[in-house]
Amino acid sequence: YEKIIGGKYMGEIVRLVLLKLVDENLLFNGEASEKLKTRGTFET
């Protein structure tokens, strides 16, 4: 429950959604940077 709400995890959830959209060629012309691919980089 905390992992859905807490600030420790919110940014990482967003990062994973963004990567999914990149994979589906709906964002950033289908190309993600290495930084965006790195876990924990998109902070809350």
All heavy atoms as atom14 arrays in JSON, in Angstrom:
{
  "sequence": "YEKIIGGKYMGEIVRLVLLKLVDENLLFNGEASEKLKTRGTFET",
  "atom14_mask": [
    [1, 1, 1, 1, 1, 1, 1, 1, 1, 1, 1, 1, 0, 0],
    [1, 1, 1, 1, 1, 1, 1, 1, 1, 0, 0, 0, 0, 0],
    [1, 1, 1, 1, 1, 1, 1, 1, 1, 0, 0, 0, 0, 0],
    [1, 1, 1, 1, 1, 1, 1, 1, 0, 0, 0, 0, 0, 0],
    [1, 1, 1, 1, 1, 1, 1, 1, 0, 0, 0, 0, 0, 0],
    [1, 1, 1, 1, 0, 0, 0, 0, 0, 0, 0, 0, 0, 0],
    [1, 1, 1, 1, 0, 0, 0, 0, 0, 0, 0, 0, 0, 0],
    [1, 1, 1, 1, 1, 1, 1, 1, 1, 0, 0, 0, 0, 0],
    [1, 1, 1, 1, 1, 1, 1, 1, 1, 1, 1, 1, 0, 0],
    [1, 1, 1, 1, 1, 1, 1, 1, 0, 0, 0, 0, 0, 0],
    [1, 1, 1, 1, 0, 0, 0, 0, 0, 0, 0, 0, 0, 0],
    [1, 1, 1, 1, 1, 1, 1, 1, 1, 0, 0, 0, 0, 0],
    [1, 1, 1, 1, 1, 1, 1, 1, 0, 0, 0, 0, 0, 0],
    [1, 1, 1, 1, 1, 1, 1, 0, 0, 0, 0, 0, 0, 0],
    [1, 1, 1, 1, 1, 1, 1, 1, 1, 1, 1, 0, 0, 0],
    [1, 1, 1, 1, 1, 1, 1, 1, 0, 0, 0, 0, 0, 0],
    [1, 1, 1, 1, 1, 1, 1, 0, 0, 0, 0, 0, 0, 0],
    [1, 1, 1, 1, 1, 1, 1, 1, 0, 0, 0, 0, 0, 0],
    [1, 1, 1, 1, 1, 1, 1, 1, 0, 0, 0, 0, 0, 0],
    [1, 1, 1, 1, 1, 1, 1, 1, 1, 0, 0, 0, 0, 0],
    [1, 1, 1, 1, 1, 1, 1, 1, 0, 0, 0, 0, 0, 0],
    [1, 1, 1, 1, 1, 1, 1, 0, 0, 0, 0, 0, 0, 0],
    [1, 1, 1, 1, 1, 1, 1, 1, 0, 0, 0, 0, 0, 0],
    [1, 1, 1, 1, 1, 1, 1, 1, 1, 0, 0, 0, 0, 0],
    [1, 1, 1, 1, 1, 1, 1, 1, 0, 0, 0, 0, 0, 0],
    [1, 1, 1, 1, 1, 1, 1, 1, 0, 0, 0, 0, 0, 0],
    [1, 1, 1, 1, 1, 1, 1, 1, 0, 0, 0, 0, 0, 0],
    [1, 1, 1, 1, 1, 1, 1, 1, 1, 1, 1, 0, 0, 0],
    [1, 1, 1, 1, 1, 1, 1, 1, 0, 0, 0, 0, 0, 0],
    [1, 1, 1, 1, 0, 0, 0, 0, 0, 0, 0, 0, 0, 0],
    [1, 1, 1, 1, 1, 1, 1, 1, 1, 0, 0, 0, 0, 0],
    [1, 1, 1, 1, 1, 0, 0, 0, 0, 0, 0, 0, 0, 0],
    [1, 1, 1, 1, 1, 1, 0, 0, 0, 0, 0, 0, 0, 0],
    [1, 1, 1, 1, 1, 1, 1, 1, 1, 0, 0, 0, 0, 0],
    [1, 1, 1, 1, 1, 1, 1, 1, 1, 0, 0, 0, 0, 0],
    [1, 1, 1, 1, 1, 1, 1, 1, 0, 0, 0, 0, 0, 0],
    [1, 1, 1, 1, 1, 1, 1, 1, 1, 0, 0, 0, 0, 0],
    [1, 1, 1, 1, 1, 1, 1, 0, 0, 0, 0, 0, 0, 0],
    [1, 1, 1, 1, 1, 1, 1, 1, 1, 1, 1, 0, 0, 0],
    [1, 1, 1, 1, 0, 0, 0, 0, 0, 0, 0, 0, 0, 0],
    [1, 1, 1, 1, 1, 1, 1, 0, 0, 0, 0, 0, 0, 0],
    [1, 1, 1, 1, 1, 1, 1, 1, 1, 1, 1, 0, 0, 0],
    [1, 1, 1, 1, 1, 1, 1, 1, 1, 0, 0, 0, 0, 0],
    [1, 1, 1, 1, 1, 1, 1, 0, 0, 0, 0, 0, 0, 0]
  ],
  "atom14_positions": [
    [[0.84, -1.2, 0.0], [0.0, 0.0, 0.0], [0.88, 1.25, 0.0], [0.63, 2.2, -0.74], [-0.9, -0.04, 1.23], [-1.95, 1.04, 1.32], [-2.87, 1.26, 0.29], [-2.05, 1.85, 2.46], [-3.85, 2.23, 0.39], [-3.03, 2.83, 2.57], [-3.92, 3.02, 1.53], [-4.89, 3.98, 1.64], [0.0, 0.0, 0.0], [0.0, 0.0, 0.0]],
    [[1.92, 1.22, 0.8], [2.85, 2.35, 0.87], [3.56, 2.58, -0.47], [3.83, 3.72, -0.85], [3.87, 2.09, 1.96], [4.88, 3.2, 2.17], [5.74, 2.94, 3.4], [6.75, 2.21, 3.28], [5.4, 3.46, 4.48], [0.0, 0.0, 0.0], [0.0, 0.0, 0.0], [0.0, 0.0, 0.0], [0.0, 0.0, 0.0], [0.0, 0.0, 0.0]],
    [[3.82, 1.51, -1.2], [4.53, 1.63, -2.47], [3.68, 2.27, -3.56], [4.2, 2.74, -4.57], [5.04, 0.25, -2.91], [6.21, -0.25, -2.08], [6.57, -1.69, -2.37], [7.72, -2.13, -1.47], [8.0, -3.58, -1.58], [0.0, 0.0, 0.0], [0.0, 0.0, 0.0], [0.0, 0.0, 0.0], [0.0, 0.0, 0.0], [0.0, 0.0, 0.0]],
    [[2.36, 2.29, -3.37], [1.48, 2.98, -4.31], [1.42, 4.48, -4.01], [1.23, 5.29, -4.91], [0.05, 2.39, -4.23], [0.06, 0.94, -4.68], [-0.94, 3.19, -5.07], [-1.28, 0.23, -4.5], [0.0, 0.0, 0.0], [0.0, 0.0, 0.0], [0.0, 0.0, 0.0], [0.0, 0.0, 0.0], [0.0, 0.0, 0.0], [0.0, 0.0, 0.0]],
    [[1.64, 4.84, -2.74], [1.41, 6.21, -2.29], [2.7, 6.99, -2.0], [2.81, 8.17, -2.34], [0.56, 6.19, -0.99], [-0.78, 5.5, -1.25], [0.36, 7.59, -0.44], [-1.55, 5.16, 0.01], [0.0, 0.0, 0.0], [0.0, 0.0, 0.0], [0.0, 0.0, 0.0], [0.0, 0.0, 0.0], [0.0, 0.0, 0.0], [0.0, 0.0, 0.0]],
    [[3.66, 6.36, -1.37], [4.81, 7.05, -0.79], [5.73, 7.72, -1.79], [5.91, 7.28, -2.94], [0.0, 0.0, 0.0], [0.0, 0.0, 0.0], [0.0, 0.0, 0.0], [0.0, 0.0, 0.0], [0.0, 0.0, 0.0], [0.0, 0.0, 0.0], [0.0, 0.0, 0.0], [0.0, 0.0, 0.0], [0.0, 0.0, 0.0], [0.0, 0.0, 0.0]],
    [[6.35, 8.79, -1.34], [7.28, 9.54, -2.17], [8.53, 8.76, -2.54], [9.21, 9.11, -3.51], [0.0, 0.0, 0.0], [0.0, 0.0, 0.0], [0.0, 0.0, 0.0], [0.0, 0.0, 0.0], [0.0, 0.0, 0.0], [0.0, 0.0, 0.0], [0.0, 0.0, 0.0], [0.0, 0.0, 0.0], [0.0, 0.0, 0.0], [0.0, 0.0, 0.0]],
    [[8.84, 7.73, -1.78], [10.01, 6.91, -2.1], [9.82, 6.19, -3.43], [10.81, 5.83, -4.1], [10.25, 5.9, -0.98], [11.49, 5.04, -1.17], [11.73, 4.13, 0.03], [12.98, 3.29, -0.15], [13.25, 2.44, 1.02], [0.0, 0.0, 0.0], [0.0, 0.0, 0.0], [0.0, 0.0, 0.0], [0.0, 0.0, 0.0], [0.0, 0.0, 0.0]],
    [[8.57, 5.98, -3.84], [8.28, 5.14, -5.0], [7.59, 5.88, -6.16], [7.61, 5.39, -7.29], [7.39, 3.97, -4.56], [7.93, 3.23, -3.37], [7.45, 3.48, -2.08], [8.95, 2.29, -3.5], [7.95, 2.82, -0.98], [9.46, 1.62, -2.4], [8.96, 1.89, -1.13], [9.47, 1.24, -0.04], [0.0, 0.0, 0.0], [0.0, 0.0, 0.0]],
    [[6.97, 7.02, -5.89], [6.16, 7.68, -6.9], [6.94, 8.02, -8.17], [6.47, 7.79, -9.29], [5.53, 8.96, -6.32], [4.44, 9.56, -7.17], [3.8, 11.11, -6.5], [3.09, 10.56, -4.96], [0.0, 0.0, 0.0], [0.0, 0.0, 0.0], [0.0, 0.0, 0.0], [0.0, 0.0, 0.0], [0.0, 0.0, 0.0], [0.0, 0.0, 0.0]],
    [[8.12, 8.56, -8.02], [8.94, 8.92, -9.18], [9.34, 7.71, -10.0], [9.37, 7.77, -11.24], [0.0, 0.0, 0.0], [0.0, 0.0, 0.0], [0.0, 0.0, 0.0], [0.0, 0.0, 0.0], [0.0, 0.0, 0.0], [0.0, 0.0, 0.0], [0.0, 0.0, 0.0], [0.0, 0.0, 0.0], [0.0, 0.0, 0.0], [0.0, 0.0, 0.0]],
    [[9.63, 6.6, -9.33], [10.01, 5.39, -10.04], [8.83, 4.82, -10.84], [9.01, 4.32, -11.96], [10.53, 4.34, -9.06], [10.97, 3.03, -9.68], [12.15, 3.14, -10.63], [12.74, 4.24, -10.75], [12.48, 2.13, -11.28], [0.0, 0.0, 0.0], [0.0, 0.0, 0.0], [0.0, 0.0, 0.0], [0.0, 0.0, 0.0], [0.0, 0.0, 0.0]],
    [[7.63, 4.91, -10.3], [6.45, 4.47, -11.05], [6.31, 5.3, -12.32], [6.05, 4.76, -13.41], [5.18, 4.57, -10.18], [5.26, 3.6, -9.01], [3.93, 4.28, -11.02], [4.14, 3.76, -7.99], [0.0, 0.0, 0.0], [0.0, 0.0, 0.0], [0.0, 0.0, 0.0], [0.0, 0.0, 0.0], [0.0, 0.0, 0.0], [0.0, 0.0, 0.0]],
    [[6.47, 6.61, -12.2], [6.39, 7.49, -13.37], [7.44, 7.08, -14.41], [7.15, 6.99, -15.61], [6.59, 8.96, -12.96], [6.82, 9.84, -14.2], [5.38, 9.46, -12.19], [0.0, 0.0, 0.0], [0.0, 0.0, 0.0], [0.0, 0.0, 0.0], [0.0, 0.0, 0.0], [0.0, 0.0, 0.0], [0.0, 0.0, 0.0], [0.0, 0.0, 0.0]],
    [[8.67, 6.82, -13.96], [9.74, 6.45, -14.89], [9.37, 5.19, -15.66], [9.58, 5.11, -16.88], [11.05, 6.23, -14.11], [12.28, 6.02, -15.0], [13.51, 5.65, -14.17], [13.39, 4.29, -13.65], [13.73, 3.19, -14.33], [14.21, 3.28, -15.57], [13.6, 1.99, -13.77], [0.0, 0.0, 0.0], [0.0, 0.0, 0.0], [0.0, 0.0, 0.0]],
    [[8.81, 4.22, -14.98], [8.44, 2.96, -15.63], [7.32, 3.17, -16.65], [7.32, 2.54, -17.72], [8.02, 1.94, -14.57], [9.15, 1.44, -13.66], [8.58, 0.61, -12.51], [10.18, 0.64, -14.44], [0.0, 0.0, 0.0], [0.0, 0.0, 0.0], [0.0, 0.0, 0.0], [0.0, 0.0, 0.0], [0.0, 0.0, 0.0], [0.0, 0.0, 0.0]],
    [[6.38, 4.03, -16.34], [5.3, 4.35, -17.3], [5.88, 5.02, -18.53], [5.52, 4.7, -19.68], [4.22, 5.23, -16.65], [3.17, 5.62, -17.69], [3.55, 4.51, -15.48], [0.0, 0.0, 0.0], [0.0, 0.0, 0.0], [0.0, 0.0, 0.0], [0.0, 0.0, 0.0], [0.0, 0.0, 0.0], [0.0, 0.0, 0.0], [0.0, 0.0, 0.0]],
    [[6.8, 5.96, -18.31], [7.43, 6.66, -19.44], [8.18, 5.67, -20.34], [8.1, 5.77, -21.58], [8.38, 7.74, -18.94], [7.76, 8.89, -18.13], [8.84, 9.89, -17.73], [6.65, 9.59, -18.91], [0.0, 0.0, 0.0], [0.0, 0.0, 0.0], [0.0, 0.0, 0.0], [0.0, 0.0, 0.0], [0.0, 0.0, 0.0], [0.0, 0.0, 0.0]],
    [[8.89, 4.73, -19.75], [9.61, 3.74, -20.55], [8.64, 2.87, -21.36], [8.94, 2.5, -22.5], [10.47, 2.86, -19.64], [11.73, 3.52, -19.05], [12.46, 2.54, -18.15], [12.66, 4.01, -20.16], [0.0, 0.0, 0.0], [0.0, 0.0, 0.0], [0.0, 0.0, 0.0], [0.0, 0.0, 0.0], [0.0, 0.0, 0.0], [0.0, 0.0, 0.0]],
    [[7.5, 2.54, -20.78], [6.5, 1.75, -21.5], [6.0, 2.53, -22.72], [5.84, 1.97, -23.81], [5.34, 1.42, -20.56], [4.21, 0.62, -21.2], [4.65, -0.79, -21.56], [3.5, -1.63, -22.12], [2.46, -1.93, -21.11], [0.0, 0.0, 0.0], [0.0, 0.0, 0.0], [0.0, 0.0, 0.0], [0.0, 0.0, 0.0], [0.0, 0.0, 0.0]],
    [[5.77, 3.82, -22.56], [5.31, 4.65, -23.66], [6.39, 4.78, -24.74], [6.08, 4.83, -25.94], [4.9, 6.03, -23.15], [3.67, 6.07, -22.23], [3.46, 7.47, -21.67], [2.43, 5.6, -22.98], [0.0, 0.0, 0.0], [0.0, 0.0, 0.0], [0.0, 0.0, 0.0], [0.0, 0.0, 0.0], [0.0, 0.0, 0.0], [0.0, 0.0, 0.0]],
    [[7.64, 4.84, -24.31], [8.74, 4.87, -25.29], [8.77, 3.57, -26.08], [8.92, 3.58, -27.32], [10.09, 5.09, -24.57], [11.25, 4.87, -25.55], [10.17, 6.49, -23.97], [0.0, 0.0, 0.0], [0.0, 0.0, 0.0], [0.0, 0.0, 0.0], [0.0, 0.0, 0.0], [0.0, 0.0, 0.0], [0.0, 0.0, 0.0], [0.0, 0.0, 0.0]],
    [[8.63, 2.44, -25.39], [8.64, 1.14, -26.06], [7.52, 1.01, -27.08], [7.66, 0.32, -28.09], [8.51, 0.01, -25.02], [9.78, -0.16, -24.19], [10.84, 0.34, -24.62], [9.71, -0.78, -23.11], [0.0, 0.0, 0.0], [0.0, 0.0, 0.0], [0.0, 0.0, 0.0], [0.0, 0.0, 0.0], [0.0, 0.0, 0.0], [0.0, 0.0, 0.0]],
    [[6.4, 1.7, -26.8], [5.27, 1.65, -27.72], [5.33, 2.77, -28.77], [4.37, 3.01, -29.49], [3.97, 1.72, -26.92], [3.76, 0.51, -26.02], [2.46, 0.56, -25.24], [1.75, 1.59, -25.32], [2.15, -0.43, -24.56], [0.0, 0.0, 0.0], [0.0, 0.0, 0.0], [0.0, 0.0, 0.0], [0.0, 0.0, 0.0], [0.0, 0.0, 0.0]],
    [[6.48, 3.45, -28.79], [6.74, 4.52, -29.77], [5.75, 5.69, -29.65], [5.41, 6.34, -30.63], [6.71, 3.97, -31.19], [7.52, 4.83, -32.15], [8.52, 5.44, -31.76], [7.09, 4.9, -33.4], [0.0, 0.0, 0.0], [0.0, 0.0, 0.0], [0.0, 0.0, 0.0], [0.0, 0.0, 0.0], [0.0, 0.0, 0.0], [0.0, 0.0, 0.0]],
    [[5.32, 5.95, -28.41], [4.38, 7.03, -28.15], [5.05, 8.24, -27.5], [4.39, 9.25, -27.27], [3.25, 6.52, -27.24], [2.37, 5.41, -27.82], [1.42, 4.88, -26.75], [1.59, 5.93, -29.03], [0.0, 0.0, 0.0], [0.0, 0.0, 0.0], [0.0, 0.0, 0.0], [0.0, 0.0, 0.0], [0.0, 0.0, 0.0], [0.0, 0.0, 0.0]],
    [[6.35, 8.12, -27.23], [7.04, 9.18, -26.5], [8.5, 9.25, -26.93], [9.15, 8.22, -27.17], [6.95, 8.89, -24.99], [7.37, 9.97, -24.01], [6.48, 11.21, -24.13], [7.29, 9.44, -22.57], [0.0, 0.0, 0.0], [0.0, 0.0, 0.0], [0.0, 0.0, 0.0], [0.0, 0.0, 0.0], [0.0, 0.0, 0.0], [0.0, 0.0, 0.0]],
    [[9.03, 10.45, -27.06], [10.45, 10.69, -27.39], [10.89, 9.95, -28.67], [12.01, 9.44, -28.75], [11.35, 10.28, -26.22], [10.98, 10.88, -24.91], [10.99, 10.09, -23.75], [10.61, 12.21, -24.79], [10.65, 10.64, -22.52], [10.25, 12.77, -23.57], [10.27, 11.97, -22.43], [0.0, 0.0, 0.0], [0.0, 0.0, 0.0], [0.0, 0.0, 0.0]],
    [[9.98, 9.86, -29.63], [10.29, 9.18, -30.9], [10.76, 7.75, -30.7], [11.53, 7.21, -31.51], [11.34, 9.97, -31.7], [10.8, 11.29, -32.21], [9.65, 11.37, -32.66], [11.61, 12.32, -32.14], [0.0, 0.0, 0.0], [0.0, 0.0, 0.0], [0.0, 0.0, 0.0], [0.0, 0.0, 0.0], [0.0, 0.0, 0.0], [0.0, 0.0, 0.0]],
    [[10.3, 7.14, -29.62], [10.64, 5.74, -29.37], [12.04, 5.52, -28.84], [12.51, 4.37, -28.82], [0.0, 0.0, 0.0], [0.0, 0.0, 0.0], [0.0, 0.0, 0.0], [0.0, 0.0, 0.0], [0.0, 0.0, 0.0], [0.0, 0.0, 0.0], [0.0, 0.0, 0.0], [0.0, 0.0, 0.0], [0.0, 0.0, 0.0], [0.0, 0.0, 0.0]],
    [[12.72, 6.59, -28.41], [14.1, 6.44, -27.92], [14.23, 7.02, -26.51], [13.91, 8.19, -26.28], [15.08, 7.14, -28.86], [15.11, 6.53, -30.27], [16.13, 7.22, -31.16], [16.93, 8.03, -30.61], [16.14, 6.97, -32.37], [0.0, 0.0, 0.0], [0.0, 0.0, 0.0], [0.0, 0.0, 0.0], [0.0, 0.0, 0.0], [0.0, 0.0, 0.0]],
    [[14.71, 6.2, -25.58], [14.93, 6.63, -24.2], [16.43, 6.78, -23.95], [17.24, 6.03, -24.48], [14.35, 5.62, -23.22], [0.0, 0.0, 0.0], [0.0, 0.0, 0.0], [0.0, 0.0, 0.0], [0.0, 0.0, 0.0], [0.0, 0.0, 0.0], [0.0, 0.0, 0.0], [0.0, 0.0, 0.0], [0.0, 0.0, 0.0], [0.0, 0.0, 0.0]],
    [[16.8, 7.76, -23.16], [18.21, 7.95, -22.8], [18.63, 6.92, -21.76], [17.79, 6.31, -21.09], [18.41, 9.36, -22.24], [17.7, 9.51, -21.01], [0.0, 0.0, 0.0], [0.0, 0.0, 0.0], [0.0, 0.0, 0.0], [0.0, 0.0, 0.0], [0.0, 0.0, 0.0], [0.0, 0.0, 0.0], [0.0, 0.0, 0.0], [0.0, 0.0, 0.0]],
    [[19.93, 6.74, -21.64], [20.44, 5.81, -20.63], [20.05, 6.26, -19.22], [19.79, 5.43, -18.34], [21.96, 5.68, -20.74], [22.43, 4.92, -21.96], [21.84, 3.51, -22.02], [21.85, 2.82, -20.96], [21.36, 3.11, -23.09], [0.0, 0.0, 0.0], [0.0, 0.0, 0.0], [0.0, 0.0, 0.0], [0.0, 0.0, 0.0], [0.0, 0.0, 0.0]],
    [[20.01, 7.57, -19.03], [19.65, 8.08, -17.7], [18.21, 7.72, -17.36], [17.91, 7.32, -16.23], [19.85, 9.59, -17.64], [19.68, 10.17, -16.24], [20.11, 11.63, -16.19], [19.99, 12.17, -14.77], [20.41, 13.59, -14.68], [0.0, 0.0, 0.0], [0.0, 0.0, 0.0], [0.0, 0.0, 0.0], [0.0, 0.0, 0.0], [0.0, 0.0, 0.0]],
    [[17.31, 7.85, -18.33], [15.91, 7.51, -18.08], [15.76, 6.0, -17.85], [14.87, 5.57, -17.12], [15.04, 7.95, -19.25], [13.53, 7.79, -19.05], [13.03, 8.68, -17.9], [12.76, 8.13, -20.33], [0.0, 0.0, 0.0], [0.0, 0.0, 0.0], [0.0, 0.0, 0.0], [0.0, 0.0, 0.0], [0.0, 0.0, 0.0], [0.0, 0.0, 0.0]],
    [[16.64, 5.22, -18.44], [16.57, 3.77, -18.28], [17.12, 3.3, -16.93], [16.97, 2.13, -16.57], [17.38, 3.08, -19.4], [16.79, 3.23, -20.78], [17.69, 2.56, -21.81], [17.17, 2.75, -23.22], [18.09, 2.13, -24.23], [0.0, 0.0, 0.0], [0.0, 0.0, 0.0], [0.0, 0.0, 0.0], [0.0, 0.0, 0.0], [0.0, 0.0, 0.0]],
    [[17.77, 4.21, -16.21], [18.41, 3.83, -14.95], [17.44, 3.94, -13.78], [16.83, 4.99, -13.57], [19.63, 4.74, -14.68], [20.53, 4.66, -15.8], [20.35, 4.29, -13.41], [0.0, 0.0, 0.0], [0.0, 0.0, 0.0], [0.0, 0.0, 0.0], [0.0, 0.0, 0.0], [0.0, 0.0, 0.0], [0.0, 0.0, 0.0], [0.0, 0.0, 0.0]],
    [[17.3, 2.86, -13.04], [16.35, 2.82, -11.92], [16.67, 3.88, -10.87], [17.82, 4.07, -10.5], [16.39, 1.42, -11.26], [15.37, 1.24, -10.14], [15.19, -0.23, -9.83], [16.37, -0.8, -9.19], [16.54, -0.88, -7.87], [15.62, -0.41, -7.06], [17.63, -1.42, -7.37], [0.0, 0.0, 0.0], [0.0, 0.0, 0.0], [0.0, 0.0, 0.0]],
    [[15.64, 4.56, -10.42], [15.78, 5.52, -9.33], [16.17, 6.92, -9.75], [16.28, 7.81, -8.9], [0.0, 0.0, 0.0], [0.0, 0.0, 0.0], [0.0, 0.0, 0.0], [0.0, 0.0, 0.0], [0.0, 0.0, 0.0], [0.0, 0.0, 0.0], [0.0, 0.0, 0.0], [0.0, 0.0, 0.0], [0.0, 0.0, 0.0], [0.0, 0.0, 0.0]],
    [[16.36, 7.15, -11.04], [16.83, 8.48, -11.49], [15.71, 9.52, -11.51], [15.96, 10.71, -11.29], [17.45, 8.41, -12.89], [16.53, 7.76, -13.78], [18.75, 7.62, -12.86], [0.0, 0.0, 0.0], [0.0, 0.0, 0.0], [0.0, 0.0, 0.0], [0.0, 0.0, 0.0], [0.0, 0.0, 0.0], [0.0, 0.0, 0.0], [0.0, 0.0, 0.0]],
    [[14.48, 9.09, -11.78], [13.36, 10.04, -11.85], [12.77, 10.16, -10.44], [11.88, 9.42, -10.05], [12.3, 9.58, -12.85], [11.43, 10.71, -13.35], [11.74, 11.38, -14.52], [10.31, 11.12, -12.63], [10.95, 12.42, -14.99], [9.51, 12.16, -13.08], [9.83, 12.82, -14.26], [0.0, 0.0, 0.0], [0.0, 0.0, 0.0], [0.0, 0.0, 0.0]],
    [[13.3, 11.12, -9.7], [12.9, 11.27, -8.3], [11.51, 11.9, -8.19], [11.04, 12.58, -9.11], [13.93, 12.12, -7.55], [15.33, 11.53, -7.58], [16.36, 12.48, -7.0], [15.98, 13.44, -6.31], [17.56, 12.26, -7.26], [0.0, 0.0, 0.0], [0.0, 0.0, 0.0], [0.0, 0.0, 0.0], [0.0, 0.0, 0.0], [0.0, 0.0, 0.0]],
    [[10.88, 11.7, -7.04], [9.52, 12.22, -6.85], [9.49, 13.74, -6.9], [8.47, 14.33, -7.29], [8.95, 11.7, -5.52], [8.88, 10.26, -5.6], [7.56, 12.24, -5.24], [0.0, 0.0, 0.0], [0.0, 0.0, 0.0], [0.0, 0.0, 0.0], [0.0, 0.0, 0.0], [0.0, 0.0, 0.0], [0.0, 0.0, 0.0], [0.0, 0.0, 0.0]]
  ]
}
